[in-house]
Amino acid sequence: MEKIWSDSEVAANGNIDRKTDPSTAAYTISVPTIKSTSSSHTNSIVAVTWDLTILLYICTVSSILRGAYHAKAETVTEKHRLAKSDAIFWDIKEVSGNTHKDENASRIGIATISNRRPTPQELGRLSRLVDASQCDRLFVELGLPLPEVQQTKFEARSLAGITVITKMFLKWTNTYPNQTLSDIKEAMATVDMATDRINEVLEKNEDLTDQDIVPIDVWTRAPSDEEIKRIVPNIGNTFYNLCLELGLSPPIIEQHEIGHPITFQSRMCALLQCWVNEFKTDATIGSLLIAMKACRIDWYTTAQILSQESGASESSEDRASWFRCGIL
């Protein structure tokens, strides 16, 4: 029902909605009809109390679960922290601002490993970690059929053992181009192969002991055609991996294998000359010796040969200089 309020009643009741009635110039408000009994009042109190109890219970349970989640997350994060060197190698990007330092290295918290296809050069390096007795299991785990693995081993039987494994890695990456370095690591772990040296093997080591046996002017220049002929006999059947380490692609290597099928000497000389022509100033005697060492090829004998040739050349030039001075 609707009641008409006078000015004095409006002044006494400040909470009244002031709606002016044009006809009476008074204030009106709608007042609901309320039926109040003692039983309904008691029921309302009980209902409100029950609702508050349920709400308090929900808040308590939510708080407990939230605390348990954060405690578990901290435990998992701490358990799976990665060394910074591992993160750099696997191209891991930090997505959390929390960092932690221990006695050995800086470590990052939550991170994800990006997918990256291994290069032929990296596959050649990874081959050093694969034992011949575990070779078949590894590549079957990676997805190659066993008959295909055995066929590849048969075709590469005349090459070094490490090259056989490299050939299978190359067949695998050509078959599954979307597979990554992390897939190799996972497969190695599945077949009980050690994975702790992956980072060490894949890093290019440019330190060479006894480097001073080669004069710096020889170290920093490209080998001549005559020097290449002297180097080739020291290379042997690991030449395929050496070419990969130098940066030549598998199609280029195979093209020279087909083009020079008769003698190893002519084939390897052509490959090294191709390397010099392709890499220009980066194709130095120093980088060749480092690659030979990485492939466990006799680099030391090669270094001695080049050093002796350099010394003999300098002595010859000195003698010619003295001879010209004597004539004058």
C-alpha atoms as a PDB file:
ATOM      1  CA  MET A   1       0.000   0.000   0.000  1.00  0.00           C
ATOM      2  CA  GLU A   2       1.112   3.607  -0.453  1.00  0.00           C
ATOM      3  CA  LYS A   3       1.153   6.251   2.298  1.00  0.00           C
ATOM      4  CA  ILE A   4       1.215  10.033   2.049  1.00  0.00           C
ATOM      5  CA  TRP A   5       3.895  11.653   4.275  1.00  0.00           C
ATOM      6  CA  SER A   6       3.726  15.192   5.559  1.00  0.00           C
ATOM      7  CA  ASP A   7       6.733  17.574   5.685  1.00  0.00           C
ATOM      8  CA  SER A   8       7.159  17.074   9.415  1.00  0.00           C
ATOM      9  CA  GLU A   9       7.208  13.261   8.997  1.00  0.00           C
ATOM     10  CA  VAL A  10       9.741  13.547   6.182  1.00  0.00           C
ATOM     11  CA  ALA A  11      12.007  15.652   8.380  1.00  0.00           C
ATOM     12  CA  ALA A  12      11.736  13.056  11.141  1.00  0.00           C
ATOM     13  CA  ASN A  13      12.464  10.146   8.802  1.00  0.00           C
ATOM     14  CA  GLY A  14      15.587  10.900   6.738  1.00  0.00           C
ATOM     15  CA  ASN A  15      15.592   7.484   5.025  1.00  0.00           C
ATOM     16  CA  ILE A  16      12.386   8.057   3.134  1.00  0.00           C
ATOM     17  CA  ASP A  17      12.617   8.047  -0.650  1.00  0.00           C
ATOM     18  CA  ARG A  18      11.502  11.532  -1.547  1.00  0.00           C
ATOM     19  CA  LYS A  19       9.166  11.172  -4.474  1.00  0.00           C
ATOM     20  CA  THR A  20       7.068  14.258  -4.958  1.00  0.00           C
ATOM     21  CA  ASP A  21       3.411  13.772  -5.663  1.00  0.00           C
ATOM     22  CA  PRO A  22       2.527  16.627  -8.035  1.00  0.00           C
ATOM     23  CA  SER A  23      -1.083  16.744  -6.844  1.00  0.00           C
ATOM     24  CA  THR A  24      -0.453  16.920  -3.095  1.00  0.00           C
ATOM     25  CA  ALA A  25       3.083  18.359  -2.937  1.00  0.00           C
ATOM     26  CA  ALA A  26       3.762  15.691  -0.313  1.00  0.00           C
ATOM     27  CA  TYR A  27       6.214  12.768  -0.235  1.00  0.00           C
ATOM     28  CA  THR A  28       5.266   9.180  -0.933  1.00  0.00           C
ATOM     29  CA  ILE A  29       6.902   5.832  -0.217  1.00  0.00           C
ATOM     30  CA  SER A  30       5.872   2.304  -0.836  1.00  0.00           C
ATOM     31  CA  VAL A  31       5.697   0.369   2.401  1.00  0.00           C
ATOM     32  CA  PRO A  32       5.582  -3.425   2.091  1.00  0.00           C
ATOM     33  CA  THR A  33       3.138  -5.325   4.184  1.00  0.00           C
ATOM     34  CA  ILE A  34       5.086  -7.419   6.690  1.00  0.00           C
ATOM     35  CA  LYS A  35       3.655 -10.411   8.444  1.00  0.00           C
ATOM     36  CA  SER A  36       5.778 -11.248  11.409  1.00  0.00           C
ATOM     37  CA  THR A  37       5.421 -14.293  13.615  1.00  0.00           C
ATOM     38  CA  SER A  38       7.804 -15.725  16.149  1.00  0.00           C
ATOM     39  CA  SER A  39       8.164 -19.075  14.325  1.00  0.00           C
ATOM     40  CA  SER A  40       9.103 -17.511  10.978  1.00  0.00           C
ATOM     41  CA  HIS A  41      11.627 -15.242  12.728  1.00  0.00           C
ATOM     42  CA  THR A  42      13.303 -18.258  14.363  1.00  0.00           C
ATOM     43  CA  ASN A  43      13.472 -20.160  11.072  1.00  0.00           C
ATOM     44  CA  SER A  44      15.137 -17.171   9.380  1.00  0.00           C
ATOM     45  CA  ILE A  45      17.839 -17.011  12.053  1.00  0.00           C
ATOM     46  CA  VAL A  46      18.550 -20.738  11.720  1.00  0.00           C
ATOM     47  CA  ALA A  47      18.765 -20.464   7.916  1.00  0.00           C
ATOM     48  CA  VAL A  48      21.198 -17.538   8.064  1.00  0.00           C
ATOM     49  CA  THR A  49      23.355 -19.324  10.655  1.00  0.00           C
ATOM     50  CA  TRP A  50      23.499 -22.469   8.478  1.00  0.00           C
ATOM     51  CA  ASP A  51      24.480 -20.441   5.395  1.00  0.00           C
ATOM     52  CA  LEU A  52      27.295 -18.738   7.291  1.00  0.00           C
ATOM     53  CA  THR A  53      28.570 -22.104   8.564  1.00  0.00           C
ATOM     54  CA  ILE A  54      28.707 -23.526   5.042  1.00  0.00           C
ATOM     55  CA  LEU A  55      30.470 -20.416   3.732  1.00  0.00           C
ATOM     56  CA  LEU A  56      33.076 -20.567   6.522  1.00  0.00           C
ATOM     57  CA  TYR A  57      33.707 -24.271   5.757  1.00  0.00           C
ATOM     58  CA  ILE A  58      34.220 -23.594   2.040  1.00  0.00           C
ATOM     59  CA  CYS A  59      36.687 -20.776   2.773  1.00  0.00           C
ATOM     60  CA  THR A  60      38.661 -22.969   5.170  1.00  0.00           C
ATOM     61  CA  VAL A  61      38.937 -25.871   2.717  1.00  0.00           C
ATOM     62  CA  SER A  62      39.924 -23.501  -0.095  1.00  0.00           C
ATOM     63  CA  SER A  63      42.668 -21.988   2.054  1.00  0.00           C
ATOM     64  CA  ILE A  64      44.052 -25.435   2.942  1.00  0.00           C
ATOM     65  CA  LEU A  65      44.105 -26.579  -0.692  1.00  0.00           C
ATOM     66  CA  ARG A  66      45.753 -23.359  -1.852  1.00  0.00           C
ATOM     67  CA  GLY A  67      48.499 -23.728   0.750  1.00  0.00           C
ATOM     68  CA  ALA A  68      49.097 -27.377  -0.234  1.00  0.00           C
ATOM     69  CA  TYR A  69      49.333 -26.433  -3.927  1.00  0.00           C
ATOM     70  CA  HIS A  70      51.952 -23.743  -3.314  1.00  0.00           C
ATOM     71  CA  ALA A  71      53.986 -26.061  -1.091  1.00  0.00           C
ATOM     72  CA  LYS A  72      53.936 -28.776  -3.783  1.00  0.00           C
ATOM     73  CA  ALA A  73      54.853 -26.265  -6.507  1.00  0.00           C
ATOM     74  CA  GLU A  74      57.865 -25.071  -4.522  1.00  0.00           C
ATOM     75  CA  THR A  75      58.994 -28.667  -3.976  1.00  0.00           C
ATOM     76  CA  VAL A  76      58.717 -29.527  -7.686  1.00  0.00           C
ATOM     77  CA  THR A  77      60.458 -26.325  -8.740  1.00  0.00           C
ATOM     78  CA  GLU A  78      63.335 -26.983  -6.363  1.00  0.00           C
ATOM     79  CA  LYS A  79      63.639 -30.588  -7.534  1.00  0.00           C
ATOM     80  CA  HIS A  80      63.780 -29.729 -11.240  1.00  0.00           C
ATOM     81  CA  ARG A  81      66.105 -26.748 -11.261  1.00  0.00           C
ATOM     82  CA  LEU A  82      68.597 -26.818 -14.151  1.00  0.00           C
ATOM     83  CA  ALA A  83      72.194 -25.678 -14.242  1.00  0.00           C
ATOM     84  CA  LYS A  84      72.760 -22.516 -16.274  1.00  0.00           C
ATOM     85  CA  SER A  85      75.183 -24.311 -18.589  1.00  0.00           C
ATOM     86  CA  ASP A  86      72.504 -26.917 -19.353  1.00  0.00           C
ATOM     87  CA  ALA A  87      69.959 -24.177 -19.984  1.00  0.00           C
ATOM     88  CA  ILE A  88      72.268 -22.392 -22.407  1.00  0.00           C
ATOM     89  CA  PHE A  89      72.999 -25.605 -24.312  1.00  0.00           C
ATOM     90  CA  TRP A  90      69.364 -26.702 -24.583  1.00  0.00           C
ATOM     91  CA  ASP A  91      68.296 -23.147 -25.528  1.00  0.00           C
ATOM     92  CA  ILE A  92      66.113 -22.870 -22.427  1.00  0.00           C
ATOM     93  CA  LYS A  93      64.420 -19.546 -21.829  1.00  0.00           C
ATOM     94  CA  GLU A  94      63.719 -18.485 -18.270  1.00  0.00           C
ATOM     95  CA  VAL A  95      60.038 -17.823 -17.626  1.00  0.00           C
ATOM     96  CA  SER A  96      60.302 -17.212 -13.914  1.00  0.00           C
ATOM     97  CA  GLY A  97      62.040 -14.405 -12.130  1.00  0.00           C
ATOM     98  CA  ASN A  98      63.066 -16.652  -9.244  1.00  0.00           C
ATOM     99  CA  THR A  99      66.719 -17.658  -9.295  1.00  0.00           C
ATOM    100  CA  HIS A 100      68.794 -19.801  -7.030  1.00  0.00           C
ATOM    101  CA  LYS A 101      72.525 -20.146  -6.496  1.00  0.00           C
ATOM    102  CA  ASP A 102      74.300 -23.191  -5.159  1.00  0.00           C
ATOM    103  CA  GLU A 103      77.992 -23.929  -4.656  1.00  0.00           C
ATOM    104  CA  ASN A 104      78.745 -24.767  -8.284  1.00  0.00           C
ATOM    105  CA  ALA A 105      76.553 -22.757 -10.639  1.00  0.00           C
ATOM    106  CA  SER A 106      73.597 -20.473 -11.043  1.00  0.00           C
ATOM    107  CA  ARG A 107      70.359 -22.317 -11.551  1.00  0.00           C
ATOM    108  CA  ILE A 108      67.054 -21.250 -13.057  1.00  0.00           C
ATOM    109  CA  GLY A 109      63.621 -22.271 -11.945  1.00  0.00           C
ATOM    110  CA  ILE A 110      60.668 -22.934 -14.209  1.00  0.00           C
ATOM    111  CA  ALA A 111      61.863 -23.340 -17.798  1.00  0.00           C
ATOM    112  CA  THR A 112      60.905 -25.034 -21.030  1.00  0.00           C
ATOM    113  CA  ILE A 113      63.142 -26.780 -23.543  1.00  0.00           C
ATOM    114  CA  SER A 114      62.659 -25.450 -27.053  1.00  0.00           C
ATOM    115  CA  ASN A 115      62.459 -27.892 -29.954  1.00  0.00           C
ATOM    116  CA  ARG A 116      65.505 -27.784 -32.193  1.00  0.00           C
ATOM    117  CA  ARG A 117      66.572 -30.193 -34.866  1.00  0.00           C
ATOM    118  CA  PRO A 118      70.221 -31.295 -34.437  1.00  0.00           C
ATOM    119  CA  THR A 119      72.707 -30.317 -37.136  1.00  0.00           C
ATOM    120  CA  PRO A 120      74.740 -32.981 -38.983  1.00  0.00           C
ATOM    121  CA  GLN A 121      77.815 -31.702 -37.151  1.00  0.00           C
ATOM    122  CA  GLU A 122      76.093 -32.220 -33.774  1.00  0.00           C
ATOM    123  CA  LEU A 123      74.963 -35.709 -34.769  1.00  0.00           C
ATOM    124  CA  GLY A 124      78.566 -36.560 -35.620  1.00  0.00           C
ATOM    125  CA  ARG A 125      79.627 -35.412 -32.149  1.00  0.00           C
ATOM    126  CA  LEU A 126      76.805 -37.289 -30.409  1.00  0.00           C
ATOM    127  CA  SER A 127      77.953 -40.483 -32.114  1.00  0.00           C
ATOM    128  CA  ARG A 128      80.922 -40.567 -29.719  1.00  0.00           C
ATOM    129  CA  LEU A 129      78.551 -41.365 -26.853  1.00  0.00           C
ATOM    130  CA  VAL A 130      76.893 -44.354 -28.515  1.00  0.00           C
ATOM    131  CA  ASP A 131      78.375 -47.751 -27.760  1.00  0.00           C
ATOM    132  CA  ALA A 132      78.220 -50.275 -30.600  1.00  0.00           C
ATOM    133  CA  SER A 133      76.491 -52.829 -28.341  1.00  0.00           C
ATOM    134  CA  GLN A 134      73.607 -50.391 -27.691  1.00  0.00           C
ATOM    135  CA  CYS A 135      73.353 -49.011 -31.199  1.00  0.00           C
ATOM    136  CA  ASP A 136      70.437 -51.127 -32.431  1.00  0.00           C
ATOM    137  CA  ARG A 137      68.340 -50.529 -29.301  1.00  0.00           C
ATOM    138  CA  LEU A 138      68.872 -46.779 -29.460  1.00  0.00           C
ATOM    139  CA  PHE A 139      67.769 -46.323 -33.056  1.00  0.00           C
ATOM    140  CA  VAL A 140      64.808 -48.676 -32.680  1.00  0.00           C
ATOM    141  CA  GLU A 141      63.784 -46.562 -29.669  1.00  0.00           C
ATOM    142  CA  LEU A 142      64.131 -43.463 -31.876  1.00  0.00           C
ATOM    143  CA  GLY A 143      61.720 -45.022 -34.375  1.00  0.00           C
ATOM    144  CA  LEU A 144      63.848 -46.645 -37.075  1.00  0.00           C
ATOM    145  CA  PRO A 145      62.812 -50.214 -38.022  1.00  0.00           C
ATOM    146  CA  LEU A 146      65.423 -52.799 -37.078  1.00  0.00           C
ATOM    147  CA  PRO A 147      65.887 -54.049 -40.697  1.00  0.00           C
ATOM    148  CA  GLU A 148      66.646 -50.462 -41.768  1.00  0.00           C
ATOM    149  CA  VAL A 149      69.194 -50.098 -38.967  1.00  0.00           C
ATOM    150  CA  GLN A 150      70.917 -53.316 -40.012  1.00  0.00           C
ATOM    151  CA  GLN A 151      70.899 -52.292 -43.684  1.00  0.00           C
ATOM    152  CA  THR A 152      72.566 -48.966 -42.853  1.00  0.00           C
ATOM    153  CA  LYS A 153      75.234 -50.766 -40.823  1.00  0.00           C
ATOM    154  CA  PHE A 154      75.906 -53.113 -43.736  1.00  0.00           C
ATOM    155  CA  GLU A 155      76.223 -50.274 -46.269  1.00  0.00           C
ATOM    156  CA  ALA A 156      78.698 -48.388 -44.039  1.00  0.00           C
ATOM    157  CA  ARG A 157      80.676 -51.453 -42.938  1.00  0.00           C
ATOM    158  CA  SER A 158      83.927 -50.211 -44.515  1.00  0.00           C
ATOM    159  CA  LEU A 159      83.844 -46.974 -42.504  1.00  0.00           C
ATOM    160  CA  ALA A 160      84.835 -46.315 -38.902  1.00  0.00           C
ATOM    161  CA  GLY A 161      82.411 -47.434 -36.193  1.00  0.00           C
ATOM    162  CA  ILE A 162      81.612 -43.857 -35.212  1.00  0.00           C
ATOM    163  CA  THR A 163      80.766 -43.052 -38.842  1.00  0.00           C
ATOM    164  CA  VAL A 164      78.339 -45.989 -38.983  1.00  0.00           C
ATOM    165  CA  ILE A 165      76.499 -44.518 -35.997  1.00  0.00           C
ATOM    166  CA  THR A 166      76.578 -41.051 -37.561  1.00  0.00           C
ATOM    167  CA  LYS A 167      75.075 -42.448 -40.775  1.00  0.00           C
ATOM    168  CA  MET A 168      72.200 -43.910 -38.749  1.00  0.00           C
ATOM    169  CA  PHE A 169      71.652 -40.614 -36.957  1.00  0.00           C
ATOM    170  CA  LEU A 170      71.452 -38.894 -40.354  1.00  0.00           C
ATOM    171  CA  LYS A 171      68.964 -41.465 -41.625  1.00  0.00           C
ATOM    172  CA  TRP A 172      66.884 -40.923 -38.490  1.00  0.00           C
ATOM    173  CA  THR A 173      66.807 -37.106 -38.805  1.00  0.00           C
ATOM    174  CA  ASN A 174      65.884 -37.387 -42.507  1.00  0.00           C
ATOM    175  CA  THR A 175      63.060 -39.794 -41.619  1.00  0.00           C
ATOM    176  CA  TYR A 176      61.823 -37.709 -38.674  1.00  0.00           C
ATOM    177  CA  PRO A 177      62.780 -34.079 -39.439  1.00  0.00           C
ATOM    178  CA  ASN A 178      60.660 -32.745 -36.572  1.00  0.00           C
ATOM    179  CA  GLN A 179      62.502 -34.737 -33.914  1.00  0.00           C
ATOM    180  CA  THR A 180      64.850 -32.825 -31.631  1.00  0.00           C
ATOM    181  CA  LEU A 181      67.927 -33.133 -29.455  1.00  0.00           C
ATOM    182  CA  SER A 182      65.697 -33.745 -26.464  1.00  0.00           C
ATOM    183  CA  ASP A 183      64.214 -36.798 -28.232  1.00  0.00           C
ATOM    184  CA  ILE A 184      67.731 -38.220 -28.574  1.00  0.00           C
ATOM    185  CA  LYS A 185      68.431 -37.574 -24.907  1.00  0.00           C
ATOM    186  CA  GLU A 186      65.173 -39.254 -23.877  1.00  0.00           C
ATOM    187  CA  ALA A 187      65.856 -42.303 -26.066  1.00  0.00           C
ATOM    188  CA  MET A 188      69.386 -42.621 -24.670  1.00  0.00           C
ATOM    189  CA  ALA A 189      68.022 -42.564 -21.122  1.00  0.00           C
ATOM    190  CA  THR A 190      65.391 -45.179 -22.027  1.00  0.00           C
ATOM    191  CA  VAL A 191      68.034 -47.659 -23.223  1.00  0.00           C
ATOM    192  CA  ASP A 192      70.187 -47.000 -20.128  1.00  0.00           C
ATOM    193  CA  MET A 193      72.827 -44.886 -21.864  1.00  0.00           C
ATOM    194  CA  ALA A 194      74.580 -42.093 -19.976  1.00  0.00           C
ATOM    195  CA  THR A 195      73.349 -38.625 -20.890  1.00  0.00           C
ATOM    196  CA  ASP A 196      75.434 -36.536 -18.509  1.00  0.00           C
ATOM    197  CA  ARG A 197      78.144 -35.861 -21.118  1.00  0.00           C
ATOM    198  CA  ILE A 198      75.865 -34.631 -23.900  1.00  0.00           C
ATOM    199  CA  ASN A 199      76.569 -30.989 -23.144  1.00  0.00           C
ATOM    200  CA  GLU A 200      80.319 -31.600 -22.985  1.00  0.00           C
ATOM    201  CA  VAL A 201      80.417 -33.502 -26.283  1.00  0.00           C
ATOM    202  CA  LEU A 202      78.325 -31.012 -28.220  1.00  0.00           C
ATOM    203  CA  GLU A 203      80.393 -28.014 -27.194  1.00  0.00           C
ATOM    204  CA  LYS A 204      83.122 -27.214 -29.695  1.00  0.00           C
ATOM    205  CA  ASN A 205      86.467 -27.323 -27.920  1.00  0.00           C
ATOM    206  CA  GLU A 206      88.915 -24.966 -29.594  1.00  0.00           C
ATOM    207  CA  ASP A 207      91.711 -25.542 -27.092  1.00  0.00           C
ATOM    208  CA  LEU A 208      94.538 -27.612 -28.516  1.00  0.00           C
ATOM    209  CA  THR A 209      97.422 -28.787 -26.385  1.00  0.00           C
ATOM    210  CA  ASP A 210     100.894 -28.271 -27.865  1.00  0.00           C
ATOM    211  CA  GLN A 211      99.424 -25.676 -30.198  1.00  0.00           C
ATOM    212  CA  ASP A 212     102.725 -23.819 -30.113  1.00  0.00           C
ATOM    213  CA  ILE A 213     104.412 -26.514 -32.227  1.00  0.00           C
ATOM    214  CA  VAL A 214     102.769 -24.875 -35.248  1.00  0.00           C
ATOM    215  CA  PRO A 215     103.916 -21.309 -36.002  1.00  0.00           C
ATOM    216  CA  ILE A 216     101.139 -18.746 -35.709  1.00  0.00           C
ATOM    217  CA  ASP A 217     101.480 -17.712 -39.345  1.00  0.00           C
ATOM    218  CA  VAL A 218     100.883 -21.339 -40.354  1.00  0.00           C
ATOM    219  CA  TRP A 219      98.034 -21.802 -37.851  1.00  0.00           C
ATOM    220  CA  THR A 220      96.024 -18.900 -39.216  1.00  0.00           C
ATOM    221  CA  ARG A 221      96.260 -19.555 -42.965  1.00  0.00           C
ATOM    222  CA  ALA A 222      94.601 -22.035 -45.314  1.00  0.00           C
ATOM    223  CA  PRO A 223      96.492 -25.203 -46.287  1.00  0.00           C
ATOM    224  CA  SER A 224      97.995 -25.239 -49.751  1.00  0.00           C
ATOM    225  CA  ASP A 225      97.290 -27.999 -52.261  1.00  0.00           C
ATOM    226  CA  GLU A 226     100.697 -29.544 -51.532  1.00  0.00           C
ATOM    227  CA  GLU A 227     100.044 -29.458 -47.776  1.00  0.00           C
ATOM    228  CA  ILE A 228      96.655 -31.098 -48.277  1.00  0.00           C
ATOM    229  CA  LYS A 229      98.344 -33.984 -50.078  1.00  0.00           C
ATOM    230  CA  ARG A 230     100.644 -34.424 -47.059  1.00  0.00           C
ATOM    231  CA  ILE A 231      97.736 -34.239 -44.580  1.00  0.00           C
ATOM    232  CA  VAL A 232      95.375 -36.742 -46.231  1.00  0.00           C
ATOM    233  CA  PRO A 233      97.331 -39.959 -45.373  1.00  0.00           C
ATOM    234  CA  ASN A 234      96.837 -39.187 -41.655  1.00  0.00           C
ATOM    235  CA  ILE A 235      93.057 -38.983 -41.868  1.00  0.00           C
ATOM    236  CA  GLY A 236      91.926 -42.592 -42.418  1.00  0.00           C
ATOM    237  CA  ASN A 237      88.390 -43.995 -42.462  1.00  0.00           C
ATOM    238  CA  THR A 238      86.977 -41.350 -40.092  1.00  0.00           C
ATOM    239  CA  PHE A 239      87.028 -38.857 -42.961  1.00  0.00           C
ATOM    240  CA  TYR A 240      83.220 -38.571 -43.086  1.00  0.00           C
ATOM    241  CA  ASN A 241      82.997 -37.297 -39.517  1.00  0.00           C
ATOM    242  CA  LEU A 242      85.954 -34.999 -40.113  1.00  0.00           C
ATOM    243  CA  CYS A 243      84.157 -33.388 -43.047  1.00  0.00           C
ATOM    244  CA  LEU A 244      81.024 -32.909 -40.940  1.00  0.00           C
ATOM    245  CA  GLU A 245      83.112 -31.359 -38.164  1.00  0.00           C
ATOM    246  CA  LEU A 246      84.632 -28.973 -40.696  1.00  0.00           C
ATOM    247  CA  GLY A 247      81.116 -27.886 -41.701  1.00  0.00           C
ATOM    248  CA  LEU A 248      80.587 -29.699 -45.009  1.00  0.00           C
ATOM    249  CA  SER A 249      77.060 -30.995 -45.558  1.00  0.00           C
ATOM    250  CA  PRO A 250      76.250 -34.706 -46.110  1.00  0.00           C
ATOM    251  CA  PRO A 251      75.134 -34.122 -49.752  1.00  0.00           C
ATOM    252  CA  ILE A 252      78.473 -32.438 -50.554  1.00  0.00           C
ATOM    253  CA  ILE A 253      80.421 -35.296 -48.969  1.00  0.00           C
ATOM    254  CA  GLU A 254      78.396 -37.930 -50.808  1.00  0.00           C
ATOM    255  CA  GLN A 255      78.749 -36.038 -54.071  1.00  0.00           C
ATOM    256  CA  HIS A 256      82.549 -36.222 -53.771  1.00  0.00           C
ATOM    257  CA  GLU A 257      82.361 -39.892 -52.827  1.00  0.00           C
ATOM    258  CA  ILE A 258      80.553 -40.563 -56.106  1.00  0.00           C
ATOM    259  CA  GLY A 259      82.787 -38.220 -58.111  1.00  0.00           C
ATOM    260  CA  HIS A 260      86.030 -39.740 -56.805  1.00  0.00           C
ATOM    261  CA  PRO A 261      85.284 -43.448 -56.352  1.00  0.00           C
ATOM    262  CA  ILE A 262      88.715 -44.858 -57.216  1.00  0.00           C
ATOM    263  CA  THR A 263      91.196 -43.663 -54.617  1.00  0.00           C
ATOM    264  CA  PHE A 264      90.764 -42.262 -51.131  1.00  0.00           C
ATOM    265  CA  GLN A 265      93.636 -39.832 -51.717  1.00  0.00           C
ATOM    266  CA  SER A 266      91.908 -38.055 -54.619  1.00  0.00           C
ATOM    267  CA  ARG A 267      88.532 -38.031 -52.843  1.00  0.00           C
ATOM    268  CA  MET A 268      89.861 -36.565 -49.593  1.00  0.00           C
ATOM    269  CA  CYS A 269      92.001 -33.991 -51.372  1.00  0.00           C
ATOM    270  CA  ALA A 270      88.932 -32.855 -53.329  1.00  0.00           C
ATOM    271  CA  LEU A 271      86.890 -32.598 -50.100  1.00  0.00           C
ATOM    272  CA  LEU A 272      89.523 -30.494 -48.328  1.00  0.00           C
ATOM    273  CA  GLN A 273      89.898 -28.249 -51.355  1.00  0.00           C
ATOM    274  CA  CYS A 274      86.109 -27.852 -51.415  1.00  0.00           C
ATOM    275  CA  TRP A 275      86.221 -26.897 -47.715  1.00  0.00           C
ATOM    276  CA  VAL A 276      88.893 -24.256 -48.376  1.00  0.00           C
ATOM    277  CA  ASN A 277      86.917 -22.814 -51.295  1.00  0.00           C
ATOM    278  CA  GLU A 278      83.644 -22.716 -49.360  1.00  0.00           C
ATOM    279  CA  PHE A 279      84.819 -21.354 -46.004  1.00  0.00           C
ATOM    280  CA  LYS A 280      87.512 -18.982 -47.343  1.00  0.00           C
ATOM    281  CA  THR A 281      89.405 -17.329 -44.472  1.00  0.00           C
ATOM    282  CA  ASP A 282      87.781 -19.587 -41.848  1.00  0.00           C
ATOM    283  CA  ALA A 283      89.342 -22.661 -43.474  1.00  0.00           C
ATOM    284  CA  THR A 284      92.645 -22.504 -41.628  1.00  0.00           C
ATOM    285  CA  ILE A 285      95.226 -25.098 -40.686  1.00  0.00           C
ATOM    286  CA  GLY A 286      94.374 -24.409 -37.052  1.00  0.00           C
ATOM    287  CA  SER A 287      90.680 -25.208 -37.500  1.00  0.00           C
ATOM    288  CA  LEU A 288      91.617 -28.363 -39.433  1.00  0.00           C
ATOM    289  CA  LEU A 289      93.847 -29.590 -36.603  1.00  0.00           C
ATOM    290  CA  ILE A 290      91.118 -28.860 -34.027  1.00  0.00           C
ATOM    291  CA  ALA A 291      88.593 -30.845 -36.104  1.00  0.00           C
ATOM    292  CA  MET A 292      91.046 -33.730 -36.442  1.00  0.00           C
ATOM    293  CA  LYS A 293      91.502 -33.829 -32.680  1.00  0.00           C
ATOM    294  CA  ALA A 294      87.716 -33.786 -32.116  1.00  0.00           C
ATOM    295  CA  CYS A 295      87.376 -36.792 -34.460  1.00  0.00           C
ATOM    296  CA  ARG A 296      90.264 -38.614 -32.737  1.00  0.00           C
ATOM    297  CA  ILE A 297      92.455 -38.404 -35.819  1.00  0.00           C
ATOM    298  CA  ASP A 298      96.243 -38.112 -35.507  1.00  0.00           C
ATOM    299  CA  TRP A 299      96.431 -34.325 -35.522  1.00  0.00           C
ATOM    300  CA  TYR A 300      99.800 -34.234 -33.751  1.00  0.00           C
ATOM    301  CA  THR A 301     101.673 -35.934 -36.596  1.00  0.00           C
ATOM    302  CA  THR A 302      99.991 -33.582 -39.052  1.00  0.00           C
ATOM    303  CA  ALA A 303     101.033 -30.581 -36.965  1.00  0.00           C
ATOM    304  CA  GLN A 304     104.634 -31.783 -36.900  1.00  0.00           C
ATOM    305  CA  ILE A 305     104.668 -32.260 -40.680  1.00  0.00           C
ATOM    306  CA  LEU A 306     103.325 -28.757 -41.262  1.00  0.00           C
ATOM    307  CA  SER A 307     105.740 -27.281 -38.739  1.00  0.00           C
ATOM    308  CA  GLN A 308     108.747 -29.003 -40.340  1.00  0.00           C
ATOM    309  CA  GLU A 309     107.680 -27.889 -43.801  1.00  0.00           C
ATOM    310  CA  SER A 310     107.349 -24.330 -42.523  1.00  0.00           C
ATOM    311  CA  GLY A 311     110.835 -24.491 -40.949  1.00  0.00           C
ATOM    312  CA  ALA A 312     112.362 -25.973 -44.092  1.00  0.00           C
ATOM    313  CA  SER A 313     110.725 -23.272 -46.202  1.00  0.00           C
ATOM    314  CA  GLU A 314     112.099 -20.534 -43.952  1.00  0.00           C
ATOM    315  CA  SER A 315     115.606 -22.083 -44.056  1.00  0.00           C
ATOM    316  CA  SER A 316     115.463 -22.256 -47.847  1.00  0.00           C
ATOM    317  CA  GLU A 317     114.445 -18.616 -48.044  1.00  0.00           C
ATOM    318  CA  ASP A 318     117.265 -17.656 -45.670  1.00  0.00           C
ATOM    319  CA  ARG A 319     119.814 -19.534 -47.773  1.00  0.00           C
ATOM    320  CA  ALA A 320     118.528 -17.856 -50.944  1.00  0.00           C
ATOM    321  CA  SER A 321     118.777 -14.468 -49.230  1.00  0.00           C
ATOM    322  CA  TRP A 322     122.360 -15.111 -48.147  1.00  0.00           C
ATOM    323  CA  PHE A 323     123.181 -16.336 -51.653  1.00  0.00           C
ATOM    324  CA  ARG A 324     121.800 -13.143 -53.225  1.00  0.00           C
ATOM    325  CA  CYS A 325     123.738 -11.018 -50.729  1.00  0.00           C
ATOM    326  CA  GLY A 326     126.965 -12.924 -51.598  1.00  0.00           C
ATOM    327  CA  ILE A 327     126.469 -12.261 -55.302  1.00  0.00           C
ATOM    328  CA  LEU A 328     125.917  -8.599 -54.659  1.00  0.00           C
END
